[in-house]
Amino acid sequence: INRMGWYRAPPGKERDLVADITAGGTVKYADSVKGRFT
C-alpha cells in the first residue's frame, strides 16, 4: 500500500482529494479542510 485517503464529489462537481496519507506517514490535505479535518 502506497497511500490511502479520501476524496469527495460535491453536487455537480468532480471528485477531488480531501486528504491522504502515505505508507511513510506523510499527510496531505486540501486547502479547504486544513485545520478542520485530520
Full PDB file with SEQRES, HELIX, SHEET, SSBOND, CRYST1, ORIGX, SCALE, CONECT and MASTER records, all heavy atoms in Angstrom:
SEQRES   1 A   38  ILE ASN ARG MET GLY TRP TYR ARG ALA PRO PRO GLY LYS          
SEQRES   2 A   38  GLU ARG ASP LEU VAL ALA ASP ILE THR ALA GLY GLY THR          
SEQRES   3 A   38  VAL LYS TYR ALA ASP SER VAL LYS GLY ARG PHE THR              
HELIX    1 AA1 ASP A   31  VAL A   33  5                                   3    
SHEET    1 AA1 3 ARG A   3  ARG A   8  0                                        
SHEET    2 AA1 3 ASP A  16  THR A  22 -1                                        
SHEET    3 AA1 3 VAL A  27  TYR A  29 -1                                        
CRYST1    1.000    1.000    1.000  90.00  90.00  90.00 P 1           1          
ORIGX1      1.000000  0.000000  0.000000        0.00000                         
ORIGX2      0.000000  1.000000  0.000000        0.00000                         
ORIGX3      0.000000  0.000000  1.000000        0.00000                         
SCALE1      1.000000  0.000000  0.000000        0.00000                         
SCALE2      0.000000  1.000000  0.000000        0.00000                         
SCALE3      0.000000  0.000000  1.000000        0.00000                         
ATOM      1  N   ILE A   1       0.854  -1.185   0.000  1.00  0.00           N  
ATOM      2  CA  ILE A   1       0.000   0.000   0.000  1.00  0.00           C  
ATOM      3  C   ILE A   1       0.890   1.235   0.000  1.00  0.00           C  
ATOM      4  O   ILE A   1       1.712   1.413   0.891  1.00  0.00           O  
ATOM      5  CB  ILE A   1      -0.927   0.028   1.219  1.00  0.00           C  
ATOM      6  CG1 ILE A   1      -1.919  -1.133   1.172  1.00  0.00           C  
ATOM      7  CG2 ILE A   1      -1.674   1.360   1.276  1.00  0.00           C  
ATOM      8  CD1 ILE A   1      -2.817  -1.209   2.391  1.00  0.00           C  
ATOM      9  N   ASN A   2       0.725   2.052  -1.036  1.00  0.00           N  
ATOM     10  CA  ASN A   2       1.493   3.286  -1.112  1.00  0.00           C  
ATOM     11  C   ASN A   2       0.840   4.407  -0.313  1.00  0.00           C  
ATOM     12  O   ASN A   2       1.507   5.166   0.379  1.00  0.00           O  
ATOM     13  CB  ASN A   2       1.649   3.721  -2.562  1.00  0.00           C  
ATOM     14  CG  ASN A   2       2.460   2.740  -3.366  1.00  0.00           C  
ATOM     15  OD1 ASN A   2       1.924   2.040  -4.214  1.00  0.00           O  
ATOM     16  ND2 ASN A   2       3.739   2.654  -3.104  1.00  0.00           N  
ATOM     17  N   ARG A   3      -0.479   4.499  -0.470  1.00  0.00           N  
ATOM     18  CA  ARG A   3      -1.196   5.520   0.273  1.00  0.00           C  
ATOM     19  C   ARG A   3      -2.680   5.176   0.335  1.00  0.00           C  
ATOM     20  O   ARG A   3      -3.189   4.420  -0.486  1.00  0.00           O  
ATOM     21  CB  ARG A   3      -1.012   6.906  -0.353  1.00  0.00           C  
ATOM     22  CG  ARG A   3      -1.600   7.079  -1.727  1.00  0.00           C  
ATOM     23  CD  ARG A   3      -1.450   8.502  -2.239  1.00  0.00           C  
ATOM     24  NE  ARG A   3      -2.090   8.646  -3.532  1.00  0.00           N  
ATOM     25  CZ  ARG A   3      -1.459   8.469  -4.684  1.00  0.00           C  
ATOM     26  NH1 ARG A   3      -0.172   8.132  -4.690  1.00  0.00           N  
ATOM     27  NH2 ARG A   3      -2.092   8.616  -5.830  1.00  0.00           N  
ATOM     28  N   MET A   4      -3.337   5.742   1.316  1.00  0.00           N  
ATOM     29  CA  MET A   4      -4.796   5.663   1.449  1.00  0.00           C  
ATOM     30  C   MET A   4      -5.303   7.058   1.701  1.00  0.00           C  
ATOM     31  O   MET A   4      -4.590   7.905   2.261  1.00  0.00           O  
ATOM     32  CB  MET A   4      -5.203   4.730   2.588  1.00  0.00           C  
ATOM     33  CG  MET A   4      -4.878   3.270   2.328  1.00  0.00           C  
ATOM     34  SD  MET A   4      -5.499   2.168   3.633  1.00  0.00           S  
ATOM     35  CE  MET A   4      -7.286   2.196   3.289  1.00  0.00           C  
ATOM     36  N   GLY A   5      -6.519   7.294   1.317  1.00  0.00           N  
ATOM     37  CA  GLY A   5      -7.040   8.633   1.510  1.00  0.00           C  
ATOM     38  C   GLY A   5      -8.516   8.754   1.234  1.00  0.00           C  
ATOM     39  O   GLY A   5      -9.210   7.744   1.050  1.00  0.00           O  
ATOM     40  N   TRP A   6      -8.960   9.978   1.228  1.00  0.00           N  
ATOM     41  CA  TRP A   6     -10.371  10.301   1.000  1.00  0.00           C  
ATOM     42  C   TRP A   6     -10.492  11.361  -0.090  1.00  0.00           C  
ATOM     43  O   TRP A   6      -9.720  12.330  -0.108  1.00  0.00           O  
ATOM     44  CB  TRP A   6     -11.001  10.837   2.292  1.00  0.00           C  
ATOM     45  CG  TRP A   6     -11.080   9.818   3.372  1.00  0.00           C  
ATOM     46  CD1 TRP A   6     -10.136   9.560   4.323  1.00  0.00           C  
ATOM     47  CD2 TRP A   6     -12.149   8.903   3.610  1.00  0.00           C  
ATOM     48  NE1 TRP A   6     -10.559   8.547   5.136  1.00  0.00           N  
ATOM     49  CE2 TRP A   6     -11.791   8.128   4.726  1.00  0.00           C  
ATOM     50  CE3 TRP A   6     -13.381   8.676   2.999  1.00  0.00           C  
ATOM     51  CZ2 TRP A   6     -12.622   7.129   5.235  1.00  0.00           C  
ATOM     52  CZ3 TRP A   6     -14.202   7.690   3.504  1.00  0.00           C  
ATOM     53  CH2 TRP A   6     -13.812   6.927   4.608  1.00  0.00           C  
ATOM     54  N   TYR A   7     -11.461  11.146  -0.944  1.00  0.00           N  
ATOM     55  CA  TYR A   7     -11.829  12.117  -1.966  1.00  0.00           C  
ATOM     56  C   TYR A   7     -13.297  12.450  -1.782  1.00  0.00           C  
ATOM     57  O   TYR A   7     -14.018  11.729  -1.104  1.00  0.00           O  
ATOM     58  CB  TYR A   7     -11.616  11.523  -3.364  1.00  0.00           C  
ATOM     59  CG  TYR A   7     -10.172  11.418  -3.780  1.00  0.00           C  
ATOM     60  CD1 TYR A   7      -9.300  10.528  -3.151  1.00  0.00           C  
ATOM     61  CD2 TYR A   7      -9.669  12.193  -4.816  1.00  0.00           C  
ATOM     62  CE1 TYR A   7      -7.980  10.434  -3.541  1.00  0.00           C  
ATOM     63  CE2 TYR A   7      -8.347  12.105  -5.220  1.00  0.00           C  
ATOM     64  CZ  TYR A   7      -7.514  11.221  -4.582  1.00  0.00           C  
ATOM     65  OH  TYR A   7      -6.202  11.122  -4.966  1.00  0.00           O  
ATOM     66  N   ARG A   8     -13.722  13.533  -2.387  1.00  0.00           N  
ATOM     67  CA  ARG A   8     -15.145  13.864  -2.321  1.00  0.00           C  
ATOM     68  C   ARG A   8     -15.617  14.516  -3.604  1.00  0.00           C  
ATOM     69  O   ARG A   8     -14.844  15.158  -4.296  1.00  0.00           O  
ATOM     70  CB  ARG A   8     -15.438  14.786  -1.130  1.00  0.00           C  
ATOM     71  CG  ARG A   8     -14.862  16.201  -1.232  1.00  0.00           C  
ATOM     72  CD  ARG A   8     -15.121  16.964   0.060  1.00  0.00           C  
ATOM     73  NE  ARG A   8     -14.615  18.332  -0.020  1.00  0.00           N  
ATOM     74  CZ  ARG A   8     -14.604  19.172   1.015  1.00  0.00           C  
ATOM     75  NH1 ARG A   8     -15.078  18.778   2.199  1.00  0.00           N  
ATOM     76  NH2 ARG A   8     -14.133  20.392   0.868  1.00  0.00           N  
ATOM     77  N   ALA A   9     -16.898  14.313  -3.895  1.00  0.00           N  
ATOM     78  CA  ALA A   9     -17.531  14.893  -5.071  1.00  0.00           C  
ATOM     79  C   ALA A   9     -18.745  15.684  -4.607  1.00  0.00           C  
ATOM     80  O   ALA A   9     -19.779  15.091  -4.270  1.00  0.00           O  
ATOM     81  CB  ALA A   9     -17.951  13.812  -6.058  1.00  0.00           C  
ATOM     82  N   PRO A  10     -18.621  17.017  -4.525  1.00  0.00           N  
ATOM     83  CA  PRO A  10     -19.793  17.846  -4.183  1.00  0.00           C  
ATOM     84  C   PRO A  10     -20.843  17.744  -5.285  1.00  0.00           C  
ATOM     85  O   PRO A  10     -20.527  17.333  -6.411  1.00  0.00           O  
ATOM     86  CB  PRO A  10     -19.214  19.259  -4.101  1.00  0.00           C  
ATOM     87  CG  PRO A  10     -17.737  19.082  -3.934  1.00  0.00           C  
ATOM     88  CD  PRO A  10     -17.417  17.827  -4.683  1.00  0.00           C  
ATOM     89  N   PRO A  11     -22.063  18.117  -5.001  1.00  0.00           N  
ATOM     90  CA  PRO A  11     -23.113  18.035  -6.015  1.00  0.00           C  
ATOM     91  C   PRO A  11     -22.733  18.769  -7.301  1.00  0.00           C  
ATOM     92  O   PRO A  11     -22.379  19.950  -7.266  1.00  0.00           O  
ATOM     93  CB  PRO A  11     -24.301  18.699  -5.328  1.00  0.00           C  
ATOM     94  CG  PRO A  11     -24.046  18.543  -3.880  1.00  0.00           C  
ATOM     95  CD  PRO A  11     -22.573  18.604  -3.718  1.00  0.00           C  
ATOM     96  N   GLY A  12     -22.773  18.072  -8.410  1.00  0.00           N  
ATOM     97  CA  GLY A  12     -22.496  18.676  -9.703  1.00  0.00           C  
ATOM     98  C   GLY A  12     -21.033  18.956  -9.987  1.00  0.00           C  
ATOM     99  O   GLY A  12     -20.702  19.599 -10.979  1.00  0.00           O  
ATOM    100  N   LYS A  13     -20.145  18.484  -9.117  1.00  0.00           N  
ATOM    101  CA  LYS A  13     -18.719  18.755  -9.299  1.00  0.00           C  
ATOM    102  C   LYS A  13     -17.931  17.454  -9.383  1.00  0.00           C  
ATOM    103  O   LYS A  13     -18.421  16.387  -9.033  1.00  0.00           O  
ATOM    104  CB  LYS A  13     -18.188  19.618  -8.160  1.00  0.00           C  
ATOM    105  CG  LYS A  13     -18.826  21.001  -8.102  1.00  0.00           C  
ATOM    106  CD  LYS A  13     -18.197  21.850  -7.009  1.00  0.00           C  
ATOM    107  CE  LYS A  13     -18.811  23.236  -6.974  1.00  0.00           C  
ATOM    108  NZ  LYS A  13     -18.196  24.075  -5.905  1.00  0.00           N  
ATOM    109  N   GLU A  14     -16.692  17.563  -9.831  1.00  0.00           N  
ATOM    110  CA  GLU A  14     -15.838  16.391  -9.947  1.00  0.00           C  
ATOM    111  C   GLU A  14     -15.283  15.986  -8.586  1.00  0.00           C  
ATOM    112  O   GLU A  14     -15.263  16.763  -7.635  1.00  0.00           O  
ATOM    113  CB  GLU A  14     -14.689  16.686 -10.912  1.00  0.00           C  
ATOM    114  CG  GLU A  14     -15.138  16.925 -12.342  1.00  0.00           C  
ATOM    115  CD  GLU A  14     -13.962  17.120 -13.281  1.00  0.00           C  
ATOM    116  OE1 GLU A  14     -12.816  17.231 -12.784  1.00  0.00           O  
ATOM    117  OE2 GLU A  14     -14.184  17.164 -14.501  1.00  0.00           O  
ATOM    118  N   ARG A  15     -14.790  14.783  -8.557  1.00  0.00           N  
ATOM    119  CA  ARG A  15     -14.192  14.245  -7.337  1.00  0.00           C  
ATOM    120  C   ARG A  15     -12.784  14.819  -7.151  1.00  0.00           C  
ATOM    121  O   ARG A  15     -11.971  14.790  -8.083  1.00  0.00           O  
ATOM    122  CB  ARG A  15     -14.154  12.724  -7.441  1.00  0.00           C  
ATOM    123  CG  ARG A  15     -13.649  12.009  -6.223  1.00  0.00           C  
ATOM    124  CD  ARG A  15     -14.012  10.535  -6.267  1.00  0.00           C  
ATOM    125  NE  ARG A  15     -13.644   9.883  -7.494  1.00  0.00           N  
ATOM    126  CZ  ARG A  15     -14.013   8.642  -7.811  1.00  0.00           C  
ATOM    127  NH1 ARG A  15     -14.756   7.941  -6.978  1.00  0.00           N  
ATOM    128  NH2 ARG A  15     -13.635   8.099  -8.951  1.00  0.00           N  
ATOM    129  N   ASP A  16     -12.493  15.301  -5.958  1.00  0.00           N  
ATOM    130  CA  ASP A  16     -11.192  15.882  -5.646  1.00  0.00           C  
ATOM    131  C   ASP A  16     -10.673  15.325  -4.323  1.00  0.00           C  
ATOM    132  O   ASP A  16     -11.447  14.864  -3.482  1.00  0.00           O  
ATOM    133  CB  ASP A  16     -11.279  17.411  -5.532  1.00  0.00           C  
ATOM    134  CG  ASP A  16     -11.396  18.093  -6.888  1.00  0.00           C  
ATOM    135  OD1 ASP A  16     -10.750  17.623  -7.834  1.00  0.00           O  
ATOM    136  OD2 ASP A  16     -12.151  19.078  -6.974  1.00  0.00           O  
ATOM    137  N   LEU A  17      -9.372  15.454  -4.167  1.00  0.00           N  
ATOM    138  CA  LEU A  17      -8.731  14.977  -2.945  1.00  0.00           C  
ATOM    139  C   LEU A  17      -9.187  15.783  -1.736  1.00  0.00           C  
ATOM    140  O   LEU A  17      -9.243  17.012  -1.779  1.00  0.00           O  
ATOM    141  CB  LEU A  17      -7.211  15.085  -3.084  1.00  0.00           C  
ATOM    142  CG  LEU A  17      -6.412  14.716  -1.835  1.00  0.00           C  
ATOM    143  CD1 LEU A  17      -6.469  13.207  -1.586  1.00  0.00           C  
ATOM    144  CD2 LEU A  17      -4.969  15.186  -1.964  1.00  0.00           C  
ATOM    145  N   VAL A  18      -9.471  15.057  -0.650  1.00  0.00           N  
ATOM    146  CA  VAL A  18      -9.706  15.689   0.646  1.00  0.00           C  
ATOM    147  C   VAL A  18      -8.441  15.579   1.481  1.00  0.00           C  
ATOM    148  O   VAL A  18      -7.918  16.576   1.985  1.00  0.00           O  
ATOM    149  CB  VAL A  18     -10.882  15.011   1.390  1.00  0.00           C  
ATOM    150  CG1 VAL A  18     -11.050  15.622   2.782  1.00  0.00           C  
ATOM    151  CG2 VAL A  18     -12.160  15.126   0.590  1.00  0.00           C  
ATOM    152  N   ALA A  19      -7.948  14.363   1.624  1.00  0.00           N  
ATOM    153  CA  ALA A  19      -6.731  14.119   2.402  1.00  0.00           C  
ATOM    154  C   ALA A  19      -6.228  12.730   2.084  1.00  0.00           C  
ATOM    155  O   ALA A  19      -7.009  11.836   1.763  1.00  0.00           O  
ATOM    156  CB  ALA A  19      -7.010  14.239   3.907  1.00  0.00           C  
ATOM    157  N   ASP A  20      -4.914  12.561   2.143  1.00  0.00           N  
ATOM    158  CA  ASP A  20      -4.363  11.226   2.034  1.00  0.00           C  
ATOM    159  C   ASP A  20      -3.138  11.090   2.925  1.00  0.00           C  
ATOM    160  O   ASP A  20      -2.604  12.080   3.439  1.00  0.00           O  
ATOM    161  CB  ASP A  20      -4.079  10.810   0.588  1.00  0.00           C  
ATOM    162  CG  ASP A  20      -2.992  11.624  -0.090  1.00  0.00           C  
ATOM    163  OD1 ASP A  20      -2.174  12.260   0.609  1.00  0.00           O  
ATOM    164  OD2 ASP A  20      -2.960  11.614  -1.336  1.00  0.00           O  
ATOM    165  N   ILE A  21      -2.749   9.840   3.133  1.00  0.00           N  
ATOM    166  CA  ILE A  21      -1.610   9.530   3.986  1.00  0.00           C  
ATOM    167  C   ILE A  21      -0.822   8.415   3.333  1.00  0.00           C  
ATOM    168  O   ILE A  21      -1.379   7.411   2.894  1.00  0.00           O  
ATOM    169  CB  ILE A  21      -2.073   9.163   5.416  1.00  0.00           C  
ATOM    170  CG1 ILE A  21      -0.883   8.898   6.333  1.00  0.00           C  
ATOM    171  CG2 ILE A  21      -3.043   7.984   5.402  1.00  0.00           C  
ATOM    172  CD1 ILE A  21      -1.265   8.830   7.813  1.00  0.00           C  
ATOM    173  N   THR A  22       0.497   8.600   3.244  1.00  0.00           N  
ATOM    174  CA  THR A  22       1.336   7.612   2.588  1.00  0.00           C  
ATOM    175  C   THR A  22       1.740   6.509   3.563  1.00  0.00           C  
ATOM    176  O   THR A  22       1.535   6.618   4.776  1.00  0.00           O  
ATOM    177  CB  THR A  22       2.601   8.262   2.026  1.00  0.00           C  
ATOM    178  OG1 THR A  22       3.425   8.689   3.132  1.00  0.00           O  
ATOM    179  CG2 THR A  22       2.266   9.440   1.140  1.00  0.00           C  
ATOM    180  N   ALA A  23       2.356   5.475   3.011  1.00  0.00           N  
ATOM    181  CA  ALA A  23       2.844   4.386   3.853  1.00  0.00           C  
ATOM    182  C   ALA A  23       3.858   4.896   4.869  1.00  0.00           C  
ATOM    183  O   ALA A  23       3.988   4.343   5.966  1.00  0.00           O  
ATOM    184  CB  ALA A  23       3.462   3.303   2.981  1.00  0.00           C  
ATOM    185  N   GLY A  24       4.573   5.941   4.517  1.00  0.00           N  
ATOM    186  CA  GLY A  24       5.558   6.504   5.426  1.00  0.00           C  
ATOM    187  C   GLY A  24       4.976   7.487   6.434  1.00  0.00           C  
ATOM    188  O   GLY A  24       5.704   8.003   7.290  1.00  0.00           O  
ATOM    189  N   GLY A  25       3.670   7.758   6.297  1.00  0.00           N  
ATOM    190  CA  GLY A  25       3.013   8.634   7.261  1.00  0.00           C  
ATOM    191  C   GLY A  25       2.903  10.090   6.829  1.00  0.00           C  
ATOM    192  O   GLY A  25       2.422  10.927   7.603  1.00  0.00           O  
ATOM    193  N   THR A  26       3.321  10.396   5.621  1.00  0.00           N  
ATOM    194  CA  THR A  26       3.192  11.773   5.133  1.00  0.00           C  
ATOM    195  C   THR A  26       1.733  12.051   4.787  1.00  0.00           C  
ATOM    196  O   THR A  26       1.092  11.259   4.101  1.00  0.00           O  
ATOM    197  CB  THR A  26       4.062  11.987   3.895  1.00  0.00           C  
ATOM    198  OG1 THR A  26       5.426  11.728   4.238  1.00  0.00           O  
ATOM    199  CG2 THR A  26       3.942  13.417   3.389  1.00  0.00           C  
ATOM    200  N   VAL A  27       1.237  13.170   5.271  1.00  0.00           N  
ATOM    201  CA  VAL A  27      -0.171  13.510   5.029  1.00  0.00           C  
ATOM    202  C   VAL A  27      -0.275  14.726   4.121  1.00  0.00           C  
ATOM    203  O   VAL A  27       0.605  15.582   4.079  1.00  0.00           O  
ATOM    204  CB  VAL A  27      -0.932  13.771   6.350  1.00  0.00           C  
ATOM    205  CG1 VAL A  27      -0.931  12.519   7.215  1.00  0.00           C  
ATOM    206  CG2 VAL A  27      -0.344  14.944   7.098  1.00  0.00           C  
ATOM    207  N   LYS A  28      -1.382  14.775   3.421  1.00  0.00           N  
ATOM    208  CA  LYS A  28      -1.672  15.901   2.540  1.00  0.00           C  
ATOM    209  C   LYS A  28      -3.144  16.234   2.668  1.00  0.00           C  
ATOM    210  O   LYS A  28      -3.982  15.312   2.723  1.00  0.00           O  
ATOM    211  CB  LYS A  28      -1.331  15.550   1.097  1.00  0.00           C  
ATOM    212  CG  LYS A  28      -1.584  16.664   0.102  1.00  0.00           C  
ATOM    213  CD  LYS A  28      -0.953  16.333  -1.256  1.00  0.00           C  
ATOM    214  CE  LYS A  28      -1.503  15.080  -1.864  1.00  0.00           C  
ATOM    215  NZ  LYS A  28      -0.924  14.779  -3.184  1.00  0.00           N  
ATOM    216  N   TYR A  29      -3.459  17.517   2.702  1.00  0.00           N  
ATOM    217  CA  TYR A  29      -4.844  17.961   2.835  1.00  0.00           C  
ATOM    218  C   TYR A  29      -5.188  18.977   1.744  1.00  0.00           C  
ATOM    219  O   TYR A  29      -4.339  19.770   1.324  1.00  0.00           O  
ATOM    220  CB  TYR A  29      -5.073  18.645   4.191  1.00  0.00           C  
ATOM    221  CG  TYR A  29      -4.929  17.743   5.385  1.00  0.00           C  
ATOM    222  CD1 TYR A  29      -3.745  17.696   6.101  1.00  0.00           C  
ATOM    223  CD2 TYR A  29      -5.992  16.952   5.810  1.00  0.00           C  
ATOM    224  CE1 TYR A  29      -3.607  16.875   7.215  1.00  0.00           C  
ATOM    225  CE2 TYR A  29      -5.868  16.126   6.921  1.00  0.00           C  
ATOM    226  CZ  TYR A  29      -4.669  16.099   7.613  1.00  0.00           C  
ATOM    227  OH  TYR A  29      -4.555  15.279   8.703  1.00  0.00           O  
ATOM    228  N   ALA A  30      -6.448  18.962   1.355  1.00  0.00           N  
ATOM    229  CA  ALA A  30      -6.947  20.045   0.519  1.00  0.00           C  
ATOM    230  C   ALA A  30      -6.954  21.320   1.356  1.00  0.00           C  
ATOM    231  O   ALA A  30      -7.188  21.278   2.573  1.00  0.00           O  
ATOM    232  CB  ALA A  30      -8.364  19.731   0.035  1.00  0.00           C  
ATOM    233  N   ASP A  31      -6.689  22.447   0.715  1.00  0.00           N  
ATOM    234  CA  ASP A  31      -6.642  23.715   1.445  1.00  0.00           C  
ATOM    235  C   ASP A  31      -7.949  23.979   2.185  1.00  0.00           C  
ATOM    236  O   ASP A  31      -7.945  24.551   3.285  1.00  0.00           O  
ATOM    237  CB  ASP A  31      -6.355  24.866   0.483  1.00  0.00           C  
ATOM    238  CG  ASP A  31      -4.919  24.867  -0.014  1.00  0.00           C  
ATOM    239  OD1 ASP A  31      -4.062  24.220   0.610  1.00  0.00           O  
ATOM    240  OD2 ASP A  31      -4.665  25.516  -1.047  1.00  0.00           O  
ATOM    241  N   SER A  32      -9.045  23.557   1.614  1.00  0.00           N  
ATOM    242  CA  SER A  32     -10.354  23.866   2.179  1.00  0.00           C  
ATOM    243  C   SER A  32     -10.638  23.126   3.485  1.00  0.00           C  
ATOM    244  O   SER A  32     -11.564  23.501   4.211  1.00  0.00           O  
ATOM    245  CB  SER A  32     -11.449  23.536   1.170  1.00  0.00           C  
ATOM    246  OG  SER A  32     -11.401  22.168   0.811  1.00  0.00           O  
ATOM    247  N   VAL A  33      -9.852  22.093   3.797  1.00  0.00           N  
ATOM    248  CA  VAL A  33     -10.116  21.327   5.016  1.00  0.00           C  
ATOM    249  C   VAL A  33      -8.980  21.409   6.031  1.00  0.00           C  
ATOM    250  O   VAL A  33      -9.105  20.861   7.130  1.00  0.00           O  
ATOM    251  CB  VAL A  33     -10.413  19.840   4.694  1.00  0.00           C  
ATOM    252  CG1 VAL A  33     -11.526  19.723   3.666  1.00  0.00           C  
ATOM    253  CG2 VAL A  33      -9.156  19.113   4.235  1.00  0.00           C  
ATOM    254  N   LYS A  34      -7.895  22.070   5.667  1.00  0.00           N  
ATOM    255  CA  LYS A  34      -6.768  22.187   6.589  1.00  0.00           C  
ATOM    256  C   LYS A  34      -7.210  22.836   7.898  1.00  0.00           C  
ATOM    257  O   LYS A  34      -7.917  23.845   7.901  1.00  0.00           O  
ATOM    258  CB  LYS A  34      -5.646  23.013   5.958  1.00  0.00           C  
ATOM    259  CG  LYS A  34      -4.855  22.258   4.896  1.00  0.00           C  
ATOM    260  CD  LYS A  34      -3.763  23.138   4.306  1.00  0.00           C  
ATOM    261  CE  LYS A  34      -2.980  22.378   3.247  1.00  0.00           C  
ATOM    262  NZ  LYS A  34      -1.939  23.235   2.593  1.00  0.00           N  
ATOM    263  N   GLY A  35      -6.778  22.238   9.001  1.00  0.00           N  
ATOM    264  CA  GLY A  35      -7.129  22.757  10.313  1.00  0.00           C  
ATOM    265  C   GLY A  35      -8.456  22.254  10.837  1.00  0.00           C  
ATOM    266  O   GLY A  35      -8.785  22.449  12.009  1.00  0.00           O  
ATOM    267  N   ARG A  36      -9.234  21.606   9.968  1.00  0.00           N  
ATOM    268  CA  ARG A  36     -10.551  21.087  10.387  1.00  0.00           C  
ATOM    269  C   ARG A  36     -10.631  19.573  10.308  1.00  0.00           C  
ATOM    270  O   ARG A  36     -11.296  18.944  11.129  1.00  0.00           O  
ATOM    271  CB  ARG A  36     -11.658  21.701   9.522  1.00  0.00           C  
ATOM    272  CG  ARG A  36     -11.748  23.202   9.580  1.00  0.00           C  
ATOM    273  CD  ARG A  36     -12.992  23.720   8.849  1.00  0.00           C  
ATOM    274  NE  ARG A  36     -13.001  23.399   7.424  1.00  0.00           N  
ATOM    275  CZ  ARG A  36     -13.940  22.674   6.825  1.00  0.00           C  
ATOM    276  NH1 ARG A  36     -14.959  22.192   7.510  1.00  0.00           N  
ATOM    277  NH2 ARG A  36     -13.866  22.445   5.517  1.00  0.00           N  
ATOM    278  N   PHE A  37      -9.966  18.988   9.311  1.00  0.00           N  
ATOM    279  CA  PHE A  37     -10.008  17.544   9.106  1.00  0.00           C  
ATOM    280  C   PHE A  37      -8.654  16.949   9.489  1.00  0.00           C  
ATOM    281  O   PHE A  37      -7.609  17.572   9.289  1.00  0.00           O  
ATOM    282  CB  PHE A  37     -10.292  17.210   7.643  1.00  0.00           C  
ATOM    283  CG  PHE A  37     -11.689  17.522   7.176  1.00  0.00           C  
ATOM    284  CD1 PHE A  37     -12.557  18.309   7.929  1.00  0.00           C  
ATOM    285  CD2 PHE A  37     -12.138  17.023   5.958  1.00  0.00           C  
ATOM    286  CE1 PHE A  37     -13.836  18.596   7.492  1.00  0.00           C  
ATOM    287  CE2 PHE A  37     -13.415  17.297   5.506  1.00  0.00           C  
ATOM    288  CZ  PHE A  37     -14.258  18.087   6.273  1.00  0.00           C  
ATOM    289  N   THR A  38      -8.699  15.721   9.999  1.00  0.00           N  
ATOM    290  CA  THR A  38      -7.477  15.002  10.344  1.00  0.00           C  
ATOM    291  C   THR A  38      -7.569  13.581   9.808  1.00  0.00           C  
ATOM    292  O   THR A  38      -8.533  12.867  10.095  1.00  0.00           O  
ATOM    293  CB  THR A  38      -7.257  14.960  11.856  1.00  0.00           C  
ATOM    294  OG1 THR A  38      -7.210  16.287  12.378  1.00  0.00           O  
ATOM    295  CG2 THR A  38      -5.943  14.248  12.190  1.00  0.00           C  
TER     296      THR A  38                                                      
MASTER        0    0    0    1    3    0    0    6  295    1    0    3          
END                                                                             
